[in-house]
Amino acid sequence: MERTPGSFVEETVGTLNWHWDETQQAFGRQQATDLIAYLRASLLRQQEEQQQQQQQQQQQQQQQQEEEEEELLQQKENKNKTEQQNHTIGERSAAAVYVCAADEPSSSSSSSSSSSSSSSSSKETGLACSWLGAGRENIRAAAAAAAAAAATNSRNTTSI
C-alpha cells in the first residue's frame, strides 16, 4: 500500500490517540491536544485540496468532452451541408439533357411526353433530338427515351 502524506498524518493521529498517556507525558496535556488538533486540521485541508483537484479535473474532462462532442456535431453538420450542396449541384449540372435517336417512326414514340421537352428533326443528320429540362422526372424520361432509341437502332443513338 502506498503511503501518502495524508495516510501518514492519519496514522500519526491514530497512534497519538492510541497512546494518549505516553503522548501526554512526552508533550504535556495541552501541547498533545494542540498537536492532535493541528494534525487533524492538516489532514482535513489535504483531503479538501484533493477533492478540489479531483473536481477540477472532472470539470476539465467534462468540458473537453463537451467541446469534442460539439466539434463532432459541427463536422457532421458541415458534411451534411456539403452533401446537400453536392446533390443540388449534381441536379443542376444535369439541367439540360438531349436525347437523340435515329429519325424513325418507332423512335418518336419512345420520346418523352414531359411538358418541358421539345423536339426537333434534322434532315442533314437524320436524328430527332429532344431537349429535357432539369429534374428527376425529365432525367428519367430522357434515360427511358435513350434506352428505347438504343434498342431501336443502337448504331445511330447518342445521348449527351
N, C-alpha and C. Protein backbone atom coordinates (compact mmCIF):
# COMPACT_ATOMS: atom_id res chain seq x y z
N MET A 1 0.84 -1.17 0.00
CA MET A 1 0.00 0.00 0.00
C MET A 1 0.89 1.24 0.00
N GLU A 2 0.58 2.16 -0.87
CA GLU A 2 1.36 3.37 -0.98
C GLU A 2 1.03 4.34 0.16
N ARG A 3 2.07 4.89 0.72
CA ARG A 3 1.86 5.84 1.82
C ARG A 3 1.85 7.24 1.25
N THR A 4 0.79 7.93 1.51
CA THR A 4 0.66 9.32 1.11
C THR A 4 0.83 10.19 2.34
N PRO A 5 1.07 11.49 2.16
CA PRO A 5 1.17 12.37 3.34
C PRO A 5 -0.10 12.30 4.19
N GLY A 6 -1.23 12.20 3.54
CA GLY A 6 -2.48 12.11 4.29
C GLY A 6 -2.56 10.85 5.13
N SER A 7 -2.13 9.72 4.55
CA SER A 7 -2.20 8.47 5.32
C SER A 7 -1.19 8.49 6.47
N PHE A 8 -0.06 9.13 6.24
CA PHE A 8 0.92 9.24 7.32
C PHE A 8 0.38 10.08 8.49
N VAL A 9 -0.25 11.20 8.16
CA VAL A 9 -0.82 12.06 9.20
C VAL A 9 -1.93 11.31 9.93
N GLU A 10 -2.75 10.60 9.18
CA GLU A 10 -3.85 9.84 9.79
C GLU A 10 -3.30 8.77 10.74
N GLU A 11 -2.27 8.09 10.30
CA GLU A 11 -1.66 7.06 11.16
C GLU A 11 -1.06 7.70 12.42
N THR A 12 -0.44 8.84 12.24
CA THR A 12 0.18 9.52 13.39
C THR A 12 -0.87 9.95 14.40
N VAL A 13 -1.97 10.52 13.90
CA VAL A 13 -3.06 10.92 14.81
C VAL A 13 -3.60 9.70 15.54
N GLY A 14 -3.79 8.61 14.82
CA GLY A 14 -4.27 7.37 15.44
C GLY A 14 -3.32 6.86 16.49
N THR A 15 -2.03 6.92 16.19
CA THR A 15 -1.03 6.44 17.15
C THR A 15 -1.00 7.33 18.40
N LEU A 16 -1.06 8.65 18.17
CA LEU A 16 -1.04 9.56 19.33
C LEU A 16 -2.28 9.37 20.21
N ASN A 17 -3.43 9.15 19.60
CA ASN A 17 -4.64 8.90 20.38
C ASN A 17 -4.58 7.56 21.09
N TRP A 18 -4.07 6.55 20.40
CA TRP A 18 -3.99 5.21 20.97
C TRP A 18 -3.07 5.21 22.19
N HIS A 19 -2.00 5.95 22.06
CA HIS A 19 -1.03 6.03 23.16
C HIS A 19 -1.14 7.39 23.86
N TRP A 20 -2.36 7.73 24.23
CA TRP A 20 -2.63 9.04 24.81
C TRP A 20 -1.81 9.31 26.07
N ASP A 21 -1.68 8.33 26.88
CA ASP A 21 -0.93 8.53 28.12
C ASP A 21 0.54 8.88 27.83
N GLU A 22 1.15 8.13 26.95
CA GLU A 22 2.55 8.41 26.59
C GLU A 22 2.67 9.76 25.88
N THR A 23 1.67 10.07 25.04
CA THR A 23 1.68 11.35 24.31
C THR A 23 1.62 12.50 25.30
N GLN A 24 0.76 12.38 26.32
CA GLN A 24 0.65 13.44 27.34
C GLN A 24 1.96 13.58 28.11
N GLN A 25 2.58 12.45 28.41
CA GLN A 25 3.83 12.51 29.16
C GLN A 25 4.94 13.15 28.32
N ALA A 26 4.96 12.86 26.99
CA ALA A 26 6.01 13.39 26.13
C ALA A 26 5.83 14.87 25.83
N PHE A 27 4.60 15.29 25.64
CA PHE A 27 4.34 16.67 25.21
C PHE A 27 3.63 17.51 26.25
N GLY A 28 3.06 16.92 27.22
CA GLY A 28 2.20 17.64 28.14
C GLY A 28 0.78 17.61 27.60
N ARG A 29 -0.18 17.74 28.49
CA ARG A 29 -1.60 17.59 28.10
C ARG A 29 -2.01 18.61 27.05
N GLN A 30 -1.77 19.88 27.27
CA GLN A 30 -2.22 20.93 26.35
C GLN A 30 -1.49 20.83 25.00
N GLN A 31 -0.20 20.62 25.04
CA GLN A 31 0.56 20.52 23.80
C GLN A 31 0.15 19.29 22.98
N ALA A 32 -0.11 18.17 23.64
CA ALA A 32 -0.56 16.95 22.96
C ALA A 32 -1.92 17.19 22.30
N THR A 33 -2.81 17.86 23.00
CA THR A 33 -4.13 18.17 22.46
C THR A 33 -3.99 19.10 21.25
N ASP A 34 -3.15 20.12 21.36
CA ASP A 34 -2.94 21.06 20.25
C ASP A 34 -2.31 20.35 19.04
N LEU A 35 -1.35 19.45 19.32
CA LEU A 35 -0.69 18.72 18.24
C LEU A 35 -1.69 17.85 17.48
N ILE A 36 -2.52 17.14 18.19
CA ILE A 36 -3.53 16.29 17.54
C ILE A 36 -4.52 17.14 16.75
N ALA A 37 -4.94 18.25 17.30
CA ALA A 37 -5.87 19.15 16.59
C ALA A 37 -5.23 19.70 15.32
N TYR A 38 -3.95 20.08 15.45
CA TYR A 38 -3.24 20.59 14.28
C TYR A 38 -3.14 19.53 13.18
N LEU A 39 -2.77 18.31 13.58
CA LEU A 39 -2.63 17.22 12.62
C LEU A 39 -3.97 16.89 11.95
N ARG A 40 -5.04 16.90 12.73
CA ARG A 40 -6.37 16.63 12.15
C ARG A 40 -6.77 17.73 11.17
N ALA A 41 -6.51 18.99 11.53
CA ALA A 41 -6.83 20.11 10.63
C ALA A 41 -6.01 20.01 9.36
N SER A 42 -4.75 19.63 9.51
CA SER A 42 -3.87 19.45 8.35
C SER A 42 -4.41 18.34 7.44
N LEU A 43 -4.84 17.26 8.07
CA LEU A 43 -5.41 16.14 7.31
C LEU A 43 -6.67 16.57 6.55
N LEU A 44 -7.54 17.32 7.23
CA LEU A 44 -8.77 17.81 6.57
C LEU A 44 -8.45 18.73 5.40
N ARG A 45 -7.45 19.63 5.57
CA ARG A 45 -7.07 20.52 4.47
C ARG A 45 -6.57 19.72 3.27
N GLN A 46 -5.76 18.72 3.53
CA GLN A 46 -5.24 17.88 2.46
C GLN A 46 -6.38 17.17 1.72
N GLN A 47 -7.32 16.65 2.48
CA GLN A 47 -8.46 15.96 1.87
C GLN A 47 -9.29 16.93 1.03
N GLU A 48 -9.52 18.14 1.54
CA GLU A 48 -10.29 19.14 0.79
C GLU A 48 -9.56 19.54 -0.49
N GLU A 49 -8.23 19.73 -0.40
CA GLU A 49 -7.45 20.08 -1.58
C GLU A 49 -7.51 18.97 -2.63
N GLN A 50 -7.43 17.73 -2.17
CA GLN A 50 -7.54 16.60 -3.10
C GLN A 50 -8.91 16.57 -3.77
N GLN A 51 -9.95 16.81 -2.99
CA GLN A 51 -11.30 16.83 -3.55
C GLN A 51 -11.45 17.94 -4.57
N GLN A 52 -10.90 19.12 -4.26
CA GLN A 52 -10.98 20.24 -5.20
C GLN A 52 -10.23 19.92 -6.49
N GLN A 53 -9.06 19.32 -6.36
CA GLN A 53 -8.29 18.94 -7.54
C GLN A 53 -9.05 17.92 -8.38
N GLN A 54 -9.65 16.96 -7.72
CA GLN A 54 -10.43 15.95 -8.44
C GLN A 54 -11.62 16.59 -9.14
N GLN A 55 -12.30 17.51 -8.47
CA GLN A 55 -13.44 18.19 -9.08
C GLN A 55 -12.99 19.02 -10.28
N GLN A 56 -11.86 19.71 -10.15
CA GLN A 56 -11.35 20.50 -11.26
C GLN A 56 -11.00 19.60 -12.45
N GLN A 57 -10.36 18.48 -12.16
CA GLN A 57 -10.01 17.54 -13.22
C GLN A 57 -11.27 17.01 -13.90
N GLN A 58 -12.28 16.67 -13.11
CA GLN A 58 -13.53 16.18 -13.68
C GLN A 58 -14.21 17.24 -14.53
N GLN A 59 -14.20 18.48 -14.05
CA GLN A 59 -14.80 19.57 -14.81
C GLN A 59 -14.04 19.80 -16.11
N GLN A 60 -12.71 19.75 -16.06
CA GLN A 60 -11.92 19.92 -17.26
C GLN A 60 -12.18 18.79 -18.26
N GLN A 61 -12.25 17.57 -17.75
CA GLN A 61 -12.52 16.43 -18.62
C GLN A 61 -13.91 16.54 -19.24
N GLN A 62 -14.88 16.93 -18.44
CA GLN A 62 -16.25 17.09 -18.94
C GLN A 62 -16.31 18.21 -19.98
N GLN A 63 -15.63 19.32 -19.72
CA GLN A 63 -15.62 20.43 -20.67
C GLN A 63 -14.94 20.00 -21.97
N GLN A 64 -13.84 19.28 -21.86
CA GLN A 64 -13.14 18.81 -23.04
C GLN A 64 -14.02 17.84 -23.83
N GLN A 65 -14.71 16.97 -23.13
CA GLN A 65 -15.60 16.01 -23.79
C GLN A 65 -16.73 16.74 -24.51
N GLU A 66 -17.31 17.76 -23.85
CA GLU A 66 -18.38 18.53 -24.47
C GLU A 66 -17.88 19.26 -25.71
N GLU A 67 -16.66 19.81 -25.64
CA GLU A 67 -16.09 20.50 -26.79
C GLU A 67 -15.86 19.53 -27.94
N GLU A 68 -15.37 18.34 -27.63
CA GLU A 68 -15.14 17.33 -28.66
C GLU A 68 -16.46 16.90 -29.30
N GLU A 69 -17.50 16.70 -28.47
CA GLU A 69 -18.80 16.33 -29.00
C GLU A 69 -19.38 17.43 -29.87
N GLU A 70 -19.20 18.68 -29.45
CA GLU A 70 -19.68 19.82 -30.23
C GLU A 70 -18.94 19.91 -31.56
N GLU A 71 -17.63 19.65 -31.53
CA GLU A 71 -16.84 19.67 -32.75
C GLU A 71 -17.28 18.56 -33.70
N LEU A 72 -17.54 17.37 -33.16
CA LEU A 72 -18.01 16.27 -33.99
C LEU A 72 -19.38 16.58 -34.60
N LEU A 73 -20.24 17.20 -33.81
CA LEU A 73 -21.55 17.59 -34.31
C LEU A 73 -21.42 18.63 -35.41
N GLN A 74 -20.52 19.59 -35.23
CA GLN A 74 -20.29 20.63 -36.25
C GLN A 74 -19.75 20.00 -37.52
N GLN A 75 -18.83 19.05 -37.38
CA GLN A 75 -18.28 18.36 -38.55
C GLN A 75 -19.38 17.60 -39.28
N LYS A 76 -20.27 16.96 -38.53
CA LYS A 76 -21.36 16.21 -39.14
C LYS A 76 -22.31 17.15 -39.88
N GLU A 77 -22.62 18.31 -39.26
CA GLU A 77 -23.49 19.29 -39.91
C GLU A 77 -22.83 19.81 -41.19
N ASN A 78 -21.53 20.10 -41.12
CA ASN A 78 -20.80 20.57 -42.31
C ASN A 78 -20.81 19.53 -43.40
N LYS A 79 -20.64 18.27 -43.03
CA LYS A 79 -20.65 17.18 -44.00
C LYS A 79 -22.03 17.08 -44.66
N ASN A 80 -23.09 17.17 -43.84
CA ASN A 80 -24.45 17.11 -44.38
C ASN A 80 -24.71 18.27 -45.33
N LYS A 81 -24.24 19.48 -44.96
CA LYS A 81 -24.42 20.64 -45.84
C LYS A 81 -23.68 20.44 -47.15
N THR A 82 -22.46 19.93 -47.06
CA THR A 82 -21.66 19.69 -48.26
C THR A 82 -22.33 18.66 -49.15
N GLU A 83 -22.82 17.57 -48.57
CA GLU A 83 -23.51 16.55 -49.34
C GLU A 83 -24.76 17.12 -50.00
N GLN A 84 -25.49 17.95 -49.26
CA GLN A 84 -26.70 18.55 -49.81
C GLN A 84 -26.34 19.50 -50.95
N GLN A 85 -25.28 20.29 -50.78
CA GLN A 85 -24.85 21.19 -51.85
C GLN A 85 -24.40 20.40 -53.07
N ASN A 86 -23.64 19.32 -52.84
CA ASN A 86 -23.19 18.49 -53.96
C ASN A 86 -24.38 17.87 -54.69
N HIS A 87 -25.39 17.45 -53.93
CA HIS A 87 -26.58 16.87 -54.53
C HIS A 87 -27.29 17.91 -55.40
N THR A 88 -27.41 19.13 -54.87
CA THR A 88 -28.06 20.21 -55.62
C THR A 88 -27.26 20.55 -56.86
N ILE A 89 -25.93 20.61 -56.73
CA ILE A 89 -25.08 20.90 -57.88
C ILE A 89 -25.21 19.79 -58.92
N GLY A 90 -25.28 18.56 -58.45
CA GLY A 90 -25.45 17.43 -59.37
C GLY A 90 -26.75 17.52 -60.15
N GLU A 91 -27.82 17.91 -59.47
CA GLU A 91 -29.09 18.06 -60.18
C GLU A 91 -29.04 19.21 -61.16
N ARG A 92 -28.37 20.30 -60.79
CA ARG A 92 -28.28 21.45 -61.69
C ARG A 92 -27.40 21.14 -62.89
N SER A 93 -26.34 20.36 -62.68
CA SER A 93 -25.47 20.05 -63.81
C SER A 93 -26.16 19.15 -64.80
N ALA A 94 -27.22 18.48 -64.37
CA ALA A 94 -27.99 17.65 -65.28
C ALA A 94 -29.20 18.42 -65.80
N ALA A 95 -29.10 19.75 -65.83
CA ALA A 95 -30.24 20.58 -66.19
C ALA A 95 -30.67 20.41 -67.63
N ALA A 96 -29.75 20.20 -68.50
CA ALA A 96 -30.11 20.06 -69.92
C ALA A 96 -29.70 18.68 -70.39
N VAL A 97 -30.65 17.91 -70.83
CA VAL A 97 -30.39 16.56 -71.32
C VAL A 97 -30.94 16.48 -72.73
N TYR A 98 -30.10 16.12 -73.65
CA TYR A 98 -30.54 15.93 -75.02
C TYR A 98 -30.54 14.45 -75.32
N VAL A 99 -31.60 13.99 -75.91
CA VAL A 99 -31.69 12.60 -76.32
C VAL A 99 -31.90 12.60 -77.83
N CYS A 100 -30.94 12.02 -78.51
CA CYS A 100 -31.04 11.96 -79.97
C CYS A 100 -31.14 10.50 -80.38
N ALA A 101 -32.03 10.23 -81.27
CA ALA A 101 -32.19 8.86 -81.76
C ALA A 101 -32.42 8.92 -83.26
N ALA A 102 -32.27 7.81 -83.87
CA ALA A 102 -32.49 7.74 -85.31
C ALA A 102 -33.89 8.21 -85.62
N ASP A 103 -34.01 8.99 -86.68
CA ASP A 103 -35.30 9.58 -87.05
C ASP A 103 -36.15 8.52 -87.73
N GLU A 104 -36.77 7.71 -86.91
CA GLU A 104 -37.64 6.65 -87.41
C GLU A 104 -38.96 6.75 -86.68
N PRO A 105 -40.02 6.25 -87.24
CA PRO A 105 -41.32 6.33 -86.58
C PRO A 105 -41.30 5.67 -85.20
N SER A 106 -40.57 4.58 -85.03
CA SER A 106 -40.57 3.91 -83.73
C SER A 106 -39.85 4.73 -82.66
N SER A 107 -38.85 5.53 -83.08
CA SER A 107 -38.13 6.30 -82.08
C SER A 107 -38.94 7.49 -81.61
N SER A 108 -39.80 8.04 -82.42
CA SER A 108 -40.60 9.18 -81.97
C SER A 108 -41.61 8.76 -80.91
N SER A 109 -42.01 7.50 -80.94
CA SER A 109 -42.94 7.04 -79.91
C SER A 109 -42.22 6.83 -78.58
N SER A 110 -40.89 6.71 -78.63
CA SER A 110 -40.15 6.50 -77.39
C SER A 110 -39.70 7.80 -76.76
N SER A 111 -39.95 8.93 -77.40
CA SER A 111 -39.51 10.20 -76.81
C SER A 111 -40.42 10.55 -75.65
N SER A 112 -39.93 11.40 -74.80
CA SER A 112 -40.63 11.76 -73.57
C SER A 112 -41.84 12.62 -73.85
N SER A 113 -42.84 12.47 -73.02
CA SER A 113 -44.03 13.29 -73.13
C SER A 113 -44.04 14.37 -72.06
N SER A 114 -42.87 14.70 -71.55
CA SER A 114 -42.76 15.70 -70.49
C SER A 114 -43.15 17.07 -71.02
N SER A 115 -43.72 17.88 -70.14
CA SER A 115 -44.20 19.19 -70.56
C SER A 115 -43.04 20.13 -70.86
N SER A 116 -41.85 19.86 -70.35
CA SER A 116 -40.74 20.77 -70.59
C SER A 116 -39.84 20.28 -71.72
N SER A 117 -40.30 19.33 -72.51
CA SER A 117 -39.46 18.82 -73.59
C SER A 117 -39.88 19.44 -74.90
N SER A 118 -38.92 19.53 -75.80
CA SER A 118 -39.21 20.00 -77.15
C SER A 118 -38.46 19.11 -78.11
N SER A 119 -38.97 18.92 -79.29
CA SER A 119 -38.34 18.03 -80.26
C SER A 119 -38.03 18.80 -81.52
N SER A 120 -36.99 18.38 -82.18
CA SER A 120 -36.67 18.93 -83.49
C SER A 120 -36.09 17.82 -84.33
N SER A 121 -36.16 17.97 -85.61
CA SER A 121 -35.65 16.95 -86.50
C SER A 121 -34.66 17.60 -87.46
N SER A 122 -33.58 16.94 -87.68
CA SER A 122 -32.57 17.47 -88.58
C SER A 122 -32.48 16.55 -89.79
N LYS A 123 -32.77 17.10 -90.97
CA LYS A 123 -32.74 16.28 -92.18
C LYS A 123 -31.31 15.94 -92.57
N GLU A 124 -30.35 16.83 -92.21
CA GLU A 124 -28.95 16.57 -92.57
C GLU A 124 -28.41 15.36 -91.81
N THR A 125 -28.73 15.26 -90.54
CA THR A 125 -28.16 14.17 -89.73
C THR A 125 -29.09 12.98 -89.64
N GLY A 126 -30.37 13.19 -89.90
CA GLY A 126 -31.31 12.10 -89.76
C GLY A 126 -31.59 11.75 -88.32
N LEU A 127 -31.39 12.72 -87.39
CA LEU A 127 -31.60 12.47 -85.97
C LEU A 127 -32.74 13.32 -85.45
N ALA A 128 -33.52 12.75 -84.57
CA ALA A 128 -34.54 13.52 -83.85
C ALA A 128 -34.00 13.74 -82.46
N CYS A 129 -33.97 14.98 -82.00
CA CYS A 129 -33.40 15.28 -80.69
C CYS A 129 -34.48 15.89 -79.81
N SER A 130 -34.52 15.47 -78.57
CA SER A 130 -35.45 16.02 -77.60
C SER A 130 -34.63 16.68 -76.49
N TRP A 131 -35.03 17.91 -76.13
CA TRP A 131 -34.39 18.58 -75.02
C TRP A 131 -35.27 18.43 -73.81
N LEU A 132 -34.69 18.05 -72.71
CA LEU A 132 -35.44 17.89 -71.47
C LEU A 132 -34.80 18.78 -70.41
N GLY A 133 -35.60 19.52 -69.71
CA GLY A 133 -35.09 20.40 -68.66
C GLY A 133 -34.65 19.61 -67.43
N ALA A 134 -34.27 20.32 -66.39
CA ALA A 134 -33.77 19.70 -65.17
C ALA A 134 -34.90 19.00 -64.42
N GLY A 135 -34.52 18.14 -63.55
CA GLY A 135 -35.49 17.45 -62.71
C GLY A 135 -35.38 15.96 -62.90
N ARG A 136 -35.69 15.24 -61.85
CA ARG A 136 -35.57 13.77 -61.89
C ARG A 136 -36.50 13.14 -62.93
N GLU A 137 -37.73 13.66 -63.00
CA GLU A 137 -38.68 13.07 -63.94
C GLU A 137 -38.16 13.20 -65.37
N ASN A 138 -37.62 14.37 -65.71
CA ASN A 138 -37.11 14.59 -67.06
C ASN A 138 -35.86 13.75 -67.32
N ILE A 139 -35.01 13.63 -66.31
CA ILE A 139 -33.82 12.80 -66.48
C ILE A 139 -34.22 11.35 -66.68
N ARG A 140 -35.19 10.89 -65.91
CA ARG A 140 -35.68 9.52 -66.08
C ARG A 140 -36.31 9.34 -67.46
N ALA A 141 -37.09 10.35 -67.88
CA ALA A 141 -37.72 10.27 -69.19
C ALA A 141 -36.66 10.24 -70.28
N ALA A 142 -35.61 11.05 -70.12
CA ALA A 142 -34.54 11.08 -71.11
C ALA A 142 -33.82 9.74 -71.16
N ALA A 143 -33.58 9.16 -69.99
CA ALA A 143 -32.92 7.86 -69.94
C ALA A 143 -33.79 6.78 -70.59
N ALA A 144 -35.10 6.83 -70.32
CA ALA A 144 -36.02 5.85 -70.92
C ALA A 144 -36.07 6.03 -72.43
N ALA A 145 -36.12 7.29 -72.89
CA ALA A 145 -36.16 7.55 -74.33
C ALA A 145 -34.87 7.10 -74.99
N ALA A 146 -33.73 7.35 -74.32
CA ALA A 146 -32.45 6.92 -74.87
C ALA A 146 -32.35 5.41 -74.93
N ALA A 147 -32.85 4.74 -73.89
CA ALA A 147 -32.81 3.27 -73.87
C ALA A 147 -33.69 2.70 -74.97
N ALA A 148 -34.88 3.30 -75.16
CA ALA A 148 -35.77 2.82 -76.22
C ALA A 148 -35.18 3.07 -77.59
N ALA A 149 -34.57 4.23 -77.76
CA ALA A 149 -33.95 4.55 -79.05
C ALA A 149 -32.76 3.64 -79.30
N ALA A 150 -32.01 3.36 -78.24
CA ALA A 150 -30.86 2.48 -78.38
C ALA A 150 -31.30 1.09 -78.78
N ALA A 151 -32.41 0.64 -78.23
CA ALA A 151 -32.92 -0.68 -78.58
C ALA A 151 -33.39 -0.70 -80.03
N THR A 152 -33.91 0.43 -80.50
CA THR A 152 -34.41 0.50 -81.88
C THR A 152 -33.27 0.51 -82.87
N ASN A 153 -32.28 1.36 -82.62
CA ASN A 153 -31.18 1.47 -83.58
C ASN A 153 -29.93 1.87 -82.82
N SER A 154 -29.17 0.91 -82.36
CA SER A 154 -28.03 1.19 -81.50
C SER A 154 -26.90 1.91 -82.22
N ARG A 155 -26.81 1.82 -83.55
CA ARG A 155 -25.71 2.47 -84.26
C ARG A 155 -25.88 3.99 -84.33
N ASN A 156 -27.09 4.49 -84.33
CA ASN A 156 -27.32 5.92 -84.53
C ASN A 156 -27.78 6.63 -83.26
N THR A 157 -27.63 6.03 -82.11
CA THR A 157 -28.13 6.63 -80.87
C THR A 157 -26.99 7.35 -80.13
N THR A 158 -27.26 8.57 -79.75
CA THR A 158 -26.29 9.34 -78.99
C THR A 158 -27.01 10.02 -77.84
N SER A 159 -26.45 9.95 -76.65
CA SER A 159 -27.00 10.67 -75.51
C SER A 159 -25.93 11.60 -74.97
N ILE A 160 -26.22 12.86 -74.88
CA ILE A 160 -25.23 13.84 -74.41
C ILE A 160 -25.68 14.37 -73.07
